[in-house]
Amino acid sequence: MLLMAAPANADIVHRLSTSTQLTVDAAASQATRLGSTYSVSGNNISVTSNGTFGGLTAPSSATAAATQIQGAYEQTTAGSAFSFTESFTYGDAIPTGTTVTSGVVPSLPAFGSVTTSSGGVAGSLAGTITSAGAITLTAGGAGTSATGQFVSEVTVK
């Protein structure tokens, strides 16, 4: 009897978990308001005797964009080489407001820099996991994703 093995004790935990994640991308738009800019450069160019440098005028209201002041320039030494560059960008005015109705913006502000992406289309997007761990995922339309996961974990202490 002395040669009998002692009984073994162990705690065994078997855990099963499943998850399915289905996503449809939302529509989005990002608009950046551009300010007015003016620049002038050159050589052998000067402002006319009664003229002014070009530039920007202060906006007429808090929601308006600055406008351009017309400069008056002439060649300093006639018959000599010269270069002249002038540029003006008319900035964006601030719109009166944008409304959101049921999660939809009916009209977006027309700013100088706008990036818009359309939302996804759910279509037939679906996912199931059976008690046996069989995963079935059905693709949806554009802008969708489906992820299924089955985890079997065994812990012996």
N, C-alpha and C. Protein backbone atom coordinates (compact mmCIF):
# COMPACT_ATOMS: atom_id res chain seq x y z
N MET A 1 0.78 -1.18 0.00
CA MET A 1 0.00 0.00 0.00
C MET A 1 0.83 1.26 0.00
N LEU A 2 1.98 1.13 0.42
CA LEU A 2 2.83 2.30 0.46
C LEU A 2 3.22 2.77 -0.93
N LEU A 3 3.16 1.95 -1.92
CA LEU A 3 3.58 2.34 -3.26
C LEU A 3 2.46 2.95 -4.10
N MET A 4 1.31 3.21 -3.56
CA MET A 4 0.20 3.81 -4.30
C MET A 4 0.47 5.31 -4.52
N ALA A 5 0.07 5.78 -5.66
CA ALA A 5 0.25 7.20 -5.98
C ALA A 5 -0.77 8.05 -5.26
N ALA A 6 -0.33 9.21 -4.85
CA ALA A 6 -1.25 10.15 -4.17
C ALA A 6 -2.17 10.78 -5.23
N PRO A 7 -3.42 11.05 -4.89
CA PRO A 7 -4.33 11.64 -5.87
C PRO A 7 -3.85 13.05 -6.28
N ALA A 8 -4.05 13.40 -7.56
CA ALA A 8 -3.65 14.72 -8.07
C ALA A 8 -4.86 15.63 -8.08
N ASN A 9 -4.65 16.86 -7.66
CA ASN A 9 -5.72 17.86 -7.67
C ASN A 9 -5.31 18.99 -8.61
N ALA A 10 -6.25 19.45 -9.44
CA ALA A 10 -5.98 20.58 -10.33
C ALA A 10 -7.28 21.35 -10.55
N ASP A 11 -7.14 22.67 -10.61
CA ASP A 11 -8.28 23.50 -10.99
C ASP A 11 -8.15 23.78 -12.49
N ILE A 12 -9.17 23.42 -13.23
CA ILE A 12 -9.17 23.65 -14.67
C ILE A 12 -10.32 24.61 -14.99
N VAL A 13 -9.97 25.65 -15.71
CA VAL A 13 -10.98 26.63 -16.13
C VAL A 13 -10.94 26.66 -17.66
N HIS A 14 -12.10 26.44 -18.27
CA HIS A 14 -12.22 26.53 -19.73
C HIS A 14 -13.20 27.66 -20.04
N ARG A 15 -12.72 28.67 -20.73
CA ARG A 15 -13.52 29.87 -21.01
C ARG A 15 -13.66 30.04 -22.52
N LEU A 16 -14.87 30.25 -22.97
CA LEU A 16 -15.16 30.51 -24.38
C LEU A 16 -15.77 31.89 -24.49
N SER A 17 -15.28 32.67 -25.45
CA SER A 17 -15.89 33.99 -25.67
C SER A 17 -15.92 34.28 -27.16
N THR A 18 -16.95 34.96 -27.57
CA THR A 18 -17.10 35.33 -28.98
C THR A 18 -17.46 36.80 -29.07
N SER A 19 -17.11 37.39 -30.20
CA SER A 19 -17.51 38.78 -30.44
C SER A 19 -17.56 39.03 -31.94
N THR A 20 -18.46 39.91 -32.31
CA THR A 20 -18.59 40.35 -33.69
C THR A 20 -18.66 41.86 -33.68
N GLN A 21 -17.89 42.49 -34.56
CA GLN A 21 -17.93 43.95 -34.68
C GLN A 21 -18.23 44.29 -36.13
N LEU A 22 -19.30 45.04 -36.33
CA LEU A 22 -19.70 45.50 -37.66
C LEU A 22 -19.65 47.02 -37.65
N THR A 23 -18.96 47.62 -38.62
CA THR A 23 -18.85 49.09 -38.66
C THR A 23 -19.21 49.61 -40.04
N VAL A 24 -19.82 50.78 -40.04
CA VAL A 24 -20.13 51.51 -41.27
C VAL A 24 -19.56 52.91 -41.09
N ASP A 25 -18.68 53.32 -42.01
CA ASP A 25 -18.04 54.64 -41.91
C ASP A 25 -19.09 55.75 -42.01
N ALA A 26 -18.89 56.78 -41.22
CA ALA A 26 -19.78 57.95 -41.27
C ALA A 26 -19.30 58.91 -42.35
N ALA A 27 -20.20 59.68 -42.88
CA ALA A 27 -19.82 60.73 -43.81
C ALA A 27 -19.13 61.84 -43.01
N ALA A 28 -18.18 62.52 -43.63
CA ALA A 28 -17.46 63.58 -42.93
C ALA A 28 -17.03 64.66 -43.91
N SER A 29 -16.92 65.85 -43.38
CA SER A 29 -16.43 66.96 -44.18
C SER A 29 -15.64 67.90 -43.28
N GLN A 30 -14.51 68.33 -43.77
CA GLN A 30 -13.70 69.29 -43.02
C GLN A 30 -13.41 70.47 -43.92
N ALA A 31 -13.74 71.65 -43.46
CA ALA A 31 -13.53 72.86 -44.25
C ALA A 31 -12.59 73.79 -43.50
N THR A 32 -11.65 74.34 -44.23
CA THR A 32 -10.69 75.29 -43.66
C THR A 32 -10.87 76.63 -44.35
N ARG A 33 -11.12 77.64 -43.55
CA ARG A 33 -11.31 78.98 -44.09
C ARG A 33 -9.95 79.58 -44.44
N LEU A 34 -9.85 80.12 -45.65
CA LEU A 34 -8.61 80.74 -46.09
C LEU A 34 -8.71 82.26 -45.95
N GLY A 35 -7.66 82.87 -45.48
CA GLY A 35 -7.62 84.32 -45.34
C GLY A 35 -7.14 84.98 -46.62
N SER A 36 -7.37 86.26 -46.74
CA SER A 36 -6.89 87.03 -47.89
C SER A 36 -5.38 87.22 -47.77
N THR A 37 -4.69 87.15 -48.90
CA THR A 37 -3.24 87.38 -48.92
C THR A 37 -2.87 88.27 -50.11
N TYR A 38 -1.81 89.03 -49.93
CA TYR A 38 -1.30 89.87 -51.01
C TYR A 38 0.22 89.85 -50.92
N SER A 39 0.87 89.74 -52.07
CA SER A 39 2.33 89.86 -52.07
C SER A 39 2.77 90.52 -53.37
N VAL A 40 3.89 91.23 -53.30
CA VAL A 40 4.47 91.87 -54.46
C VAL A 40 5.99 91.79 -54.33
N SER A 41 6.66 91.55 -55.45
CA SER A 41 8.12 91.55 -55.43
C SER A 41 8.61 91.90 -56.83
N GLY A 42 9.84 92.33 -56.90
CA GLY A 42 10.42 92.65 -58.20
C GLY A 42 11.72 93.42 -58.06
N ASN A 43 12.33 93.67 -59.20
CA ASN A 43 13.50 94.55 -59.20
C ASN A 43 13.38 95.50 -60.38
N ASN A 44 13.97 96.67 -60.23
CA ASN A 44 13.87 97.76 -61.19
C ASN A 44 12.41 98.21 -61.35
N ILE A 45 11.66 98.14 -60.24
CA ILE A 45 10.26 98.55 -60.19
C ILE A 45 10.10 99.49 -59.00
N SER A 46 9.32 100.54 -59.17
CA SER A 46 9.04 101.45 -58.05
C SER A 46 7.58 101.88 -58.10
N VAL A 47 7.13 102.44 -57.00
CA VAL A 47 5.76 102.96 -56.93
C VAL A 47 5.74 104.27 -57.71
N THR A 48 4.68 104.50 -58.47
CA THR A 48 4.57 105.75 -59.22
C THR A 48 4.56 106.94 -58.27
N SER A 49 4.84 108.12 -58.80
CA SER A 49 4.97 109.31 -57.94
C SER A 49 3.70 109.60 -57.13
N ASN A 50 2.55 109.37 -57.66
CA ASN A 50 1.32 109.61 -56.91
C ASN A 50 0.65 108.30 -56.49
N GLY A 51 1.34 107.20 -56.65
CA GLY A 51 0.75 105.89 -56.39
C GLY A 51 1.02 105.37 -55.00
N THR A 52 0.54 104.18 -54.75
CA THR A 52 0.74 103.52 -53.46
C THR A 52 1.12 102.06 -53.71
N PHE A 53 1.70 101.48 -52.69
CA PHE A 53 1.92 100.04 -52.73
C PHE A 53 0.57 99.34 -52.67
N GLY A 54 0.49 98.19 -53.28
CA GLY A 54 -0.72 97.38 -53.15
C GLY A 54 -0.76 96.78 -51.75
N GLY A 55 -1.89 96.24 -51.40
CA GLY A 55 -2.01 95.65 -50.07
C GLY A 55 -3.42 95.17 -49.82
N LEU A 56 -3.78 95.07 -48.56
CA LEU A 56 -5.10 94.60 -48.15
C LEU A 56 -5.82 95.68 -47.37
N THR A 57 -7.12 95.79 -47.58
CA THR A 57 -7.94 96.71 -46.77
C THR A 57 -8.64 95.90 -45.70
N ALA A 58 -8.94 96.54 -44.62
CA ALA A 58 -9.66 95.87 -43.53
C ALA A 58 -11.05 95.49 -44.04
N PRO A 59 -11.57 94.37 -43.60
CA PRO A 59 -12.90 93.95 -44.04
C PRO A 59 -13.96 94.97 -43.62
N SER A 60 -15.05 95.01 -44.39
CA SER A 60 -16.13 95.94 -44.10
C SER A 60 -16.98 95.48 -42.92
N SER A 61 -16.90 94.19 -42.57
CA SER A 61 -17.62 93.67 -41.40
C SER A 61 -16.81 92.53 -40.79
N ALA A 62 -17.24 92.07 -39.64
CA ALA A 62 -16.50 91.00 -38.95
C ALA A 62 -16.58 89.68 -39.69
N THR A 63 -17.53 89.53 -40.61
CA THR A 63 -17.68 88.26 -41.33
C THR A 63 -17.16 88.33 -42.76
N ALA A 64 -16.69 89.50 -43.21
CA ALA A 64 -16.21 89.67 -44.58
C ALA A 64 -14.72 89.37 -44.67
N ALA A 65 -14.26 89.17 -45.90
CA ALA A 65 -12.83 88.96 -46.14
C ALA A 65 -12.18 90.29 -46.53
N ALA A 66 -10.89 90.43 -46.27
CA ALA A 66 -10.16 91.63 -46.66
C ALA A 66 -10.10 91.71 -48.19
N THR A 67 -10.12 92.94 -48.71
CA THR A 67 -10.06 93.14 -50.15
C THR A 67 -8.70 93.74 -50.52
N GLN A 68 -8.44 93.82 -51.83
CA GLN A 68 -7.14 94.27 -52.32
C GLN A 68 -7.11 95.77 -52.57
N ILE A 69 -5.98 96.38 -52.22
CA ILE A 69 -5.68 97.76 -52.60
C ILE A 69 -4.84 97.66 -53.87
N GLN A 70 -5.24 98.32 -54.92
CA GLN A 70 -4.49 98.29 -56.17
C GLN A 70 -3.25 99.17 -56.05
N GLY A 71 -2.11 98.60 -56.36
CA GLY A 71 -0.86 99.37 -56.35
C GLY A 71 -0.62 99.99 -57.71
N ALA A 72 0.19 101.03 -57.73
CA ALA A 72 0.56 101.70 -58.99
C ALA A 72 2.08 101.66 -59.10
N TYR A 73 2.58 100.89 -60.07
CA TYR A 73 4.01 100.65 -60.20
C TYR A 73 4.50 101.08 -61.58
N GLU A 74 5.80 101.36 -61.65
CA GLU A 74 6.42 101.69 -62.93
C GLU A 74 7.85 101.18 -62.94
N GLN A 75 8.41 101.04 -64.14
CA GLN A 75 9.79 100.60 -64.27
C GLN A 75 10.68 101.77 -63.86
N THR A 76 11.64 101.48 -62.99
CA THR A 76 12.51 102.55 -62.47
C THR A 76 13.44 103.08 -63.55
N THR A 77 14.17 102.21 -64.23
CA THR A 77 15.09 102.64 -65.29
C THR A 77 14.57 102.08 -66.61
N ALA A 78 14.03 102.97 -67.43
CA ALA A 78 13.44 102.54 -68.70
C ALA A 78 14.49 101.85 -69.56
N GLY A 79 14.09 100.78 -70.22
CA GLY A 79 14.98 100.06 -71.13
C GLY A 79 15.85 99.03 -70.44
N SER A 80 15.87 99.01 -69.10
CA SER A 80 16.68 98.03 -68.37
C SER A 80 15.81 96.81 -68.04
N ALA A 81 16.50 95.75 -67.74
CA ALA A 81 15.79 94.54 -67.35
C ALA A 81 15.02 94.76 -66.05
N PHE A 82 13.87 94.12 -65.93
CA PHE A 82 13.09 94.22 -64.70
C PHE A 82 12.32 92.92 -64.49
N SER A 83 11.88 92.73 -63.25
CA SER A 83 10.96 91.62 -62.95
C SER A 83 9.89 92.15 -62.01
N PHE A 84 8.71 91.58 -62.13
CA PHE A 84 7.60 92.04 -61.29
C PHE A 84 6.64 90.87 -61.08
N THR A 85 6.30 90.64 -59.83
CA THR A 85 5.32 89.59 -59.49
C THR A 85 4.38 90.15 -58.45
N GLU A 86 3.10 90.00 -58.71
CA GLU A 86 2.08 90.46 -57.78
C GLU A 86 1.02 89.36 -57.68
N SER A 87 0.60 89.03 -56.45
CA SER A 87 -0.46 88.02 -56.30
C SER A 87 -1.41 88.43 -55.20
N PHE A 88 -2.67 88.03 -55.39
CA PHE A 88 -3.72 88.32 -54.42
C PHE A 88 -4.64 87.11 -54.35
N THR A 89 -4.95 86.70 -53.13
CA THR A 89 -5.94 85.65 -52.90
C THR A 89 -7.06 86.27 -52.08
N TYR A 90 -8.25 86.21 -52.65
CA TYR A 90 -9.42 86.73 -51.94
C TYR A 90 -9.88 85.66 -50.96
N GLY A 91 -9.86 85.99 -49.70
CA GLY A 91 -10.17 85.02 -48.65
C GLY A 91 -11.65 84.69 -48.56
N ASP A 92 -11.95 83.75 -47.68
CA ASP A 92 -13.32 83.29 -47.47
C ASP A 92 -14.04 84.17 -46.46
N ALA A 93 -15.27 84.52 -46.77
CA ALA A 93 -16.12 85.21 -45.80
C ALA A 93 -16.64 84.17 -44.81
N ILE A 94 -17.02 84.60 -43.63
CA ILE A 94 -17.57 83.69 -42.64
C ILE A 94 -19.06 83.51 -42.94
N PRO A 95 -19.51 82.26 -43.13
CA PRO A 95 -20.93 82.06 -43.45
C PRO A 95 -21.80 82.38 -42.24
N THR A 96 -23.09 82.55 -42.49
CA THR A 96 -24.01 82.90 -41.41
C THR A 96 -24.25 81.74 -40.45
N GLY A 97 -24.03 80.53 -40.87
CA GLY A 97 -24.21 79.39 -39.98
C GLY A 97 -24.55 78.13 -40.75
N THR A 98 -24.33 77.02 -40.11
CA THR A 98 -24.64 75.72 -40.69
C THR A 98 -25.53 74.99 -39.70
N THR A 99 -26.55 74.35 -40.20
CA THR A 99 -27.45 73.61 -39.33
C THR A 99 -27.24 72.11 -39.51
N VAL A 100 -27.56 71.37 -38.48
CA VAL A 100 -27.50 69.92 -38.53
C VAL A 100 -28.90 69.41 -38.23
N THR A 101 -29.45 68.63 -39.15
CA THR A 101 -30.79 68.09 -39.00
C THR A 101 -30.72 66.57 -39.09
N SER A 102 -31.09 65.89 -38.02
CA SER A 102 -31.06 64.41 -37.98
C SER A 102 -29.69 63.88 -38.36
N GLY A 103 -28.64 64.54 -37.91
CA GLY A 103 -27.28 64.09 -38.18
C GLY A 103 -26.78 64.43 -39.56
N VAL A 104 -27.54 65.20 -40.33
CA VAL A 104 -27.15 65.55 -41.71
C VAL A 104 -26.99 67.06 -41.81
N VAL A 105 -25.92 67.47 -42.49
CA VAL A 105 -25.71 68.89 -42.78
C VAL A 105 -26.19 69.12 -44.21
N PRO A 106 -27.33 69.83 -44.39
CA PRO A 106 -27.90 69.96 -45.73
C PRO A 106 -27.04 70.74 -46.71
N SER A 107 -26.29 71.73 -46.24
CA SER A 107 -25.39 72.45 -47.15
C SER A 107 -24.14 72.84 -46.37
N LEU A 108 -23.02 72.53 -46.97
CA LEU A 108 -21.73 72.82 -46.32
C LEU A 108 -21.24 74.19 -46.75
N PRO A 109 -20.49 74.86 -45.88
CA PRO A 109 -19.93 76.15 -46.28
C PRO A 109 -18.92 75.96 -47.41
N ALA A 110 -18.87 76.92 -48.32
CA ALA A 110 -17.95 76.86 -49.45
C ALA A 110 -16.67 77.59 -49.08
N PHE A 111 -15.75 76.90 -48.44
CA PHE A 111 -14.47 77.49 -48.05
C PHE A 111 -13.40 77.13 -49.08
N GLY A 112 -12.26 77.78 -48.96
CA GLY A 112 -11.17 77.59 -49.92
C GLY A 112 -10.56 76.20 -49.90
N SER A 113 -10.64 75.49 -48.79
CA SER A 113 -10.09 74.15 -48.70
C SER A 113 -11.12 73.25 -48.02
N VAL A 114 -11.68 72.30 -48.78
CA VAL A 114 -12.72 71.42 -48.26
C VAL A 114 -12.39 69.98 -48.62
N THR A 115 -12.43 69.10 -47.62
CA THR A 115 -12.26 67.66 -47.85
C THR A 115 -13.53 66.97 -47.37
N THR A 116 -14.15 66.19 -48.25
CA THR A 116 -15.39 65.52 -47.93
C THR A 116 -15.27 64.04 -48.28
N SER A 117 -15.76 63.19 -47.39
CA SER A 117 -15.81 61.76 -47.68
C SER A 117 -17.23 61.27 -47.46
N SER A 118 -17.67 60.41 -48.37
CA SER A 118 -19.04 59.90 -48.25
C SER A 118 -19.07 58.80 -47.20
N GLY A 119 -20.22 58.57 -46.65
CA GLY A 119 -20.38 57.52 -45.64
C GLY A 119 -20.47 56.15 -46.29
N GLY A 120 -20.33 55.13 -45.46
CA GLY A 120 -20.42 53.76 -45.96
C GLY A 120 -21.86 53.37 -46.23
N VAL A 121 -22.01 52.25 -46.91
CA VAL A 121 -23.32 51.70 -47.23
C VAL A 121 -23.40 50.32 -46.60
N ALA A 122 -24.29 50.15 -45.61
CA ALA A 122 -24.37 48.88 -44.88
C ALA A 122 -24.67 47.72 -45.82
N GLY A 123 -25.58 47.89 -46.74
CA GLY A 123 -25.92 46.81 -47.66
C GLY A 123 -26.30 45.55 -46.90
N SER A 124 -25.63 44.45 -47.19
CA SER A 124 -25.94 43.17 -46.53
C SER A 124 -24.94 42.85 -45.42
N LEU A 125 -24.30 43.84 -44.85
CA LEU A 125 -23.32 43.66 -43.78
C LEU A 125 -23.94 42.88 -42.63
N ALA A 126 -23.31 41.76 -42.26
CA ALA A 126 -23.83 40.93 -41.17
C ALA A 126 -22.70 40.05 -40.62
N GLY A 127 -22.92 39.56 -39.41
CA GLY A 127 -21.95 38.65 -38.81
C GLY A 127 -22.59 37.80 -37.74
N THR A 128 -22.27 36.52 -37.73
CA THR A 128 -22.78 35.60 -36.71
C THR A 128 -21.67 34.66 -36.29
N ILE A 129 -21.80 34.16 -35.04
CA ILE A 129 -20.88 33.14 -34.53
C ILE A 129 -21.74 32.10 -33.83
N THR A 130 -21.60 30.85 -34.23
CA THR A 130 -22.40 29.78 -33.62
C THR A 130 -21.75 29.34 -32.31
N SER A 131 -22.50 28.54 -31.53
CA SER A 131 -21.96 28.03 -30.27
C SER A 131 -20.79 27.09 -30.50
N ALA A 132 -20.66 26.57 -31.71
CA ALA A 132 -19.52 25.71 -32.06
C ALA A 132 -18.30 26.53 -32.49
N GLY A 133 -18.47 27.85 -32.58
CA GLY A 133 -17.35 28.72 -32.93
C GLY A 133 -17.24 29.01 -34.42
N ALA A 134 -18.21 28.59 -35.21
CA ALA A 134 -18.18 28.88 -36.65
C ALA A 134 -18.53 30.35 -36.87
N ILE A 135 -17.65 31.07 -37.56
CA ILE A 135 -17.84 32.50 -37.81
C ILE A 135 -18.31 32.70 -39.23
N THR A 136 -19.40 33.45 -39.39
CA THR A 136 -19.90 33.79 -40.71
C THR A 136 -20.00 35.31 -40.79
N LEU A 137 -19.24 35.90 -41.72
CA LEU A 137 -19.25 37.35 -41.93
C LEU A 137 -19.69 37.62 -43.37
N THR A 138 -20.60 38.56 -43.54
CA THR A 138 -21.08 38.93 -44.87
C THR A 138 -20.66 40.37 -45.15
N ALA A 139 -19.98 40.55 -46.28
CA ALA A 139 -19.49 41.88 -46.64
C ALA A 139 -20.64 42.83 -46.90
N GLY A 140 -20.44 44.06 -46.54
CA GLY A 140 -21.42 45.11 -46.84
C GLY A 140 -20.96 45.88 -48.05
N GLY A 141 -21.46 47.08 -48.19
CA GLY A 141 -21.06 47.94 -49.30
C GLY A 141 -19.76 48.67 -48.97
N ALA A 142 -19.47 49.69 -49.77
CA ALA A 142 -18.25 50.48 -49.58
C ALA A 142 -18.25 51.12 -48.20
N GLY A 143 -17.06 51.23 -47.59
CA GLY A 143 -16.93 51.90 -46.30
C GLY A 143 -17.43 51.08 -45.13
N THR A 144 -17.37 49.76 -45.23
CA THR A 144 -17.81 48.90 -44.12
C THR A 144 -16.71 47.92 -43.74
N SER A 145 -16.80 47.39 -42.54
CA SER A 145 -15.88 46.33 -42.13
C SER A 145 -16.59 45.40 -41.16
N ALA A 146 -16.18 44.13 -41.15
CA ALA A 146 -16.76 43.13 -40.26
C ALA A 146 -15.62 42.33 -39.66
N THR A 147 -15.66 42.13 -38.35
CA THR A 147 -14.64 41.36 -37.65
C THR A 147 -15.35 40.38 -36.72
N GLY A 148 -14.95 39.11 -36.79
CA GLY A 148 -15.49 38.10 -35.90
C GLY A 148 -14.34 37.44 -35.14
N GLN A 149 -14.60 37.08 -33.88
CA GLN A 149 -13.54 36.50 -33.05
C GLN A 149 -14.13 35.42 -32.15
N PHE A 150 -13.44 34.28 -32.09
CA PHE A 150 -13.80 33.19 -31.18
C PHE A 150 -12.55 32.86 -30.38
N VAL A 151 -12.65 32.89 -29.05
CA VAL A 151 -11.49 32.63 -28.19
C VAL A 151 -11.82 31.45 -27.27
N SER A 152 -10.94 30.46 -27.27
CA SER A 152 -11.04 29.33 -26.36
C SER A 152 -9.81 29.37 -25.46
N GLU A 153 -10.04 29.52 -24.17
CA GLU A 153 -8.95 29.68 -23.21
C GLU A 153 -9.04 28.58 -22.15
N VAL A 154 -7.93 27.88 -21.95
CA VAL A 154 -7.86 26.83 -20.92
C VAL A 154 -6.77 27.24 -19.92
N THR A 155 -7.17 27.24 -18.64
CA THR A 155 -6.23 27.58 -17.57
C THR A 155 -6.18 26.41 -16.59
N VAL A 156 -4.97 25.94 -16.33
CA VAL A 156 -4.77 24.86 -15.35
C VAL A 156 -3.92 25.40 -14.23
N LYS A 157 -4.46 25.26 -12.99
CA LYS A 157 -3.73 25.75 -11.82
C LYS A 157 -3.25 24.59 -10.99
